[in-house]
Structures are given as C-alpha cells and as structure tokens.
Amino acid sequence: MIFFLATPLLILSALPQTIKLVKTKSSKDISLATYLMTLGGVLLIFIRAIQVGDMPIIFGNGGSLLFVTINTILIFKYRPKK
C-alpha cells in the first residue's frame, strides 16, 4: 500500500525542477554533482530491480530515472558559459 503513495511522489519529485529549468533556461544555482550522484544511484537501483524482476521498483525508478535524466541534460544545456 505504501508503495502506491511513495511511487508517484518519487517519480514527480523532479518535475518542479524540470519546469523551472525550462521556464528560466538557467541552471546557474543548481548543483550538477547532486544530480549526477542521484542519476547514478537511481540507475543502479533500476538495474538491480531489472536483475531480480521487481516490477514495482522497475516502474518507480524508471519514472524517476526519466525525470532525473531530463534534468541532468537540461542542467548541462543551460549551464552558464565561461
């Protein structure tokens, strides 16, 4: 039961940042290191879930992986030019 509450929160937790990145076209104040570590962690959990065939974790982390990947790409795209 708790999974059905946690999964949408986990998947949608990156959405506000995605919206802000697209609207402002700036990633000046966002930590790239945080997003890269989050991306790595979510990816490893996703791979393990595939290995053991845990569909709820595959679904939850797959959605999170999508948004975290999009945000990481946008952070690179909108980084201030040096």
C-alpha atoms as a PDB file:
ATOM      1  CA  MET A   1       0.000   0.000   0.000  1.00  0.00           C
ATOM      2  CA  ILE A   2       2.731   2.468   0.919  1.00  0.00           C
ATOM      3  CA  PHE A   3       4.352   1.866  -2.487  1.00  0.00           C
ATOM      4  CA  PHE A   4       1.289   3.354  -4.195  1.00  0.00           C
ATOM      5  CA  LEU A   5       1.807   6.570  -2.229  1.00  0.00           C
ATOM      6  CA  ALA A   6       5.596   6.699  -2.480  1.00  0.00           C
ATOM      7  CA  THR A   7       5.995   5.935  -6.191  1.00  0.00           C
ATOM      8  CA  PRO A   8       4.099   8.940  -7.588  1.00  0.00           C
ATOM      9  CA  LEU A   9       5.937  11.218  -5.145  1.00  0.00           C
ATOM     10  CA  LEU A  10       9.279   9.771  -6.174  1.00  0.00           C
ATOM     11  CA  ILE A  11       8.515   9.994  -9.880  1.00  0.00           C
ATOM     12  CA  LEU A  12       7.119  13.525  -9.728  1.00  0.00           C
ATOM     13  CA  SER A  13       9.673  14.921  -7.263  1.00  0.00           C
ATOM     14  CA  ALA A  14      11.926  16.137 -10.087  1.00  0.00           C
ATOM     15  CA  LEU A  15       9.088  17.690 -12.104  1.00  0.00           C
ATOM     16  CA  PRO A  16       9.128  21.123 -10.399  1.00  0.00           C
ATOM     17  CA  GLN A  17      12.847  21.466 -11.186  1.00  0.00           C
ATOM     18  CA  THR A  18      12.220  20.398 -14.785  1.00  0.00           C
ATOM     19  CA  ILE A  19       9.559  23.080 -15.161  1.00  0.00           C
ATOM     20  CA  LYS A  20      11.806  25.733 -13.620  1.00  0.00           C
ATOM     21  CA  LEU A  21      14.745  24.777 -15.848  1.00  0.00           C
ATOM     22  CA  VAL A  22      12.592  25.011 -18.979  1.00  0.00           C
ATOM     23  CA  LYS A  23      10.975  28.304 -17.945  1.00  0.00           C
ATOM     24  CA  THR A  24      14.116  30.122 -16.819  1.00  0.00           C
ATOM     25  CA  LYS A  25      16.592  28.423 -19.181  1.00  0.00           C
ATOM     26  CA  SER A  26      19.143  28.734 -16.381  1.00  0.00           C
ATOM     27  CA  SER A  27      20.869  26.135 -14.226  1.00  0.00           C
ATOM     28  CA  LYS A  28      23.239  28.597 -12.567  1.00  0.00           C
ATOM     29  CA  ASP A  29      22.212  27.762  -8.987  1.00  0.00           C
ATOM     30  CA  ILE A  30      21.679  24.013  -9.378  1.00  0.00           C
ATOM     31  CA  SER A  31      24.271  21.523  -8.160  1.00  0.00           C
ATOM     32  CA  LEU A  32      25.354  19.338 -11.070  1.00  0.00           C
ATOM     33  CA  ALA A  33      27.131  16.994  -8.633  1.00  0.00           C
ATOM     34  CA  THR A  34      23.867  16.332  -6.783  1.00  0.00           C
ATOM     35  CA  TYR A  35      22.055  15.431  -9.988  1.00  0.00           C
ATOM     36  CA  LEU A  36      24.906  13.222 -11.236  1.00  0.00           C
ATOM     37  CA  MET A  37      25.004  11.298  -7.939  1.00  0.00           C
ATOM     38  CA  THR A  38      21.215  10.961  -7.903  1.00  0.00           C
ATOM     39  CA  LEU A  39      21.262   9.767 -11.507  1.00  0.00           C
ATOM     40  CA  GLY A  40      23.912   7.174 -10.661  1.00  0.00           C
ATOM     41  CA  GLY A  41      22.054   5.906  -7.601  1.00  0.00           C
ATOM     42  CA  VAL A  42      18.682   5.659  -9.321  1.00  0.00           C
ATOM     43  CA  LEU A  43      20.290   3.940 -12.314  1.00  0.00           C
ATOM     44  CA  LEU A  44      21.972   1.317 -10.110  1.00  0.00           C
ATOM     45  CA  ILE A  45      18.730   0.577  -8.247  1.00  0.00           C
ATOM     46  CA  PHE A  46      16.902   0.368 -11.592  1.00  0.00           C
ATOM     47  CA  ILE A  47      19.466  -2.125 -12.956  1.00  0.00           C
ATOM     48  CA  ARG A  48      19.218  -4.250  -9.810  1.00  0.00           C
ATOM     49  CA  ALA A  49      15.413  -4.229  -9.981  1.00  0.00           C
ATOM     50  CA  ILE A  50      15.619  -5.494 -13.571  1.00  0.00           C
ATOM     51  CA  GLN A  51      18.015  -8.251 -12.485  1.00  0.00           C
ATOM     52  CA  VAL A  52      15.635  -9.536  -9.817  1.00  0.00           C
ATOM     53  CA  GLY A  53      12.454  -8.779 -11.787  1.00  0.00           C
ATOM     54  CA  ASP A  54      10.933  -6.420  -9.209  1.00  0.00           C
ATOM     55  CA  MET A  55       8.282  -4.688 -11.313  1.00  0.00           C
ATOM     56  CA  PRO A  56       7.157  -2.092  -8.741  1.00  0.00           C
ATOM     57  CA  ILE A  57      10.746  -0.893  -8.275  1.00  0.00           C
ATOM     58  CA  ILE A  58      11.355  -1.004 -12.034  1.00  0.00           C
ATOM     59  CA  PHE A  59       8.278   1.164 -12.560  1.00  0.00           C
ATOM     60  CA  GLY A  60       9.068   3.615  -9.759  1.00  0.00           C
ATOM     61  CA  ASN A  61      12.742   4.029 -10.530  1.00  0.00           C
ATOM     62  CA  GLY A  62      12.126   4.041 -14.282  1.00  0.00           C
ATOM     63  CA  GLY A  63       9.937   7.108 -13.909  1.00  0.00           C
ATOM     64  CA  SER A  64      12.412   8.783 -11.596  1.00  0.00           C
ATOM     65  CA  LEU A  65      15.259   7.908 -13.935  1.00  0.00           C
ATOM     66  CA  LEU A  66      13.425   9.631 -16.770  1.00  0.00           C
ATOM     67  CA  PHE A  67      12.976  12.936 -14.935  1.00  0.00           C
ATOM     68  CA  VAL A  68      16.428  12.937 -13.326  1.00  0.00           C
ATOM     69  CA  THR A  69      17.987  12.252 -16.734  1.00  0.00           C
ATOM     70  CA  ILE A  70      15.990  15.085 -18.331  1.00  0.00           C
ATOM     71  CA  ASN A  71      17.030  17.469 -15.551  1.00  0.00           C
ATOM     72  CA  THR A  72      20.684  16.477 -15.833  1.00  0.00           C
ATOM     73  CA  ILE A  73      20.616  17.110 -19.583  1.00  0.00           C
ATOM     74  CA  LEU A  74      18.917  20.479 -19.031  1.00  0.00           C
ATOM     75  CA  ILE A  75      21.496  21.423 -16.393  1.00  0.00           C
ATOM     76  CA  PHE A  76      24.257  20.796 -18.929  1.00  0.00           C
ATOM     77  CA  LYS A  77      22.330  22.631 -21.640  1.00  0.00           C
ATOM     78  CA  TYR A  78      21.627  25.734 -19.557  1.00  0.00           C
ATOM     79  CA  ARG A  79      24.959  25.996 -17.718  1.00  0.00           C
ATOM     80  CA  PRO A  80      26.431  29.484 -17.747  1.00  0.00           C
ATOM     81  CA  LYS A  81      29.033  29.950 -20.448  1.00  0.00           C
ATOM     82  CA  LYS A  82      32.505  30.632 -19.105  1.00  0.00           C
END
